[in-house]
């Protein structure tokens, strides 16, 4: 079990920045990775980025590469998403997710690979 709580969303003008946070509390298992996904109205949930808990390797969707940065505080069980140069098409609800450790075959870009999800935080970018 784990509780994931996101924060940091809001309304920002195009070109602006936001820093999202996600705290994984009360976890009872090891973490393989934490990821960020987003979902806009009428669209499917899409992968944004992930970070491997041990080692810190990262993967980004092409749409955010060079603008978004994921990082983690290993000892605080917290993952961050720094979003820069935001565009109106970045408008969505952003969700963090956690993949428990101990299994094989993790790729990380599919929502089905993750075990727990936060409630989401809204990011709205005005033009």
Foldseek 3Di string as FASTA:
>chain_A
DWAKAKDWADEEAQQAKIKMKIFTPPDDAAFQKKFKWWDDPPDDIWGAKMFGLPPTDMDGDPVQPPFWDWDDDNVRRMIMIIGGSDDQVVWTWMKMFTAGDDDDDDPDGDPVRTDDMHPTDTHGYHD
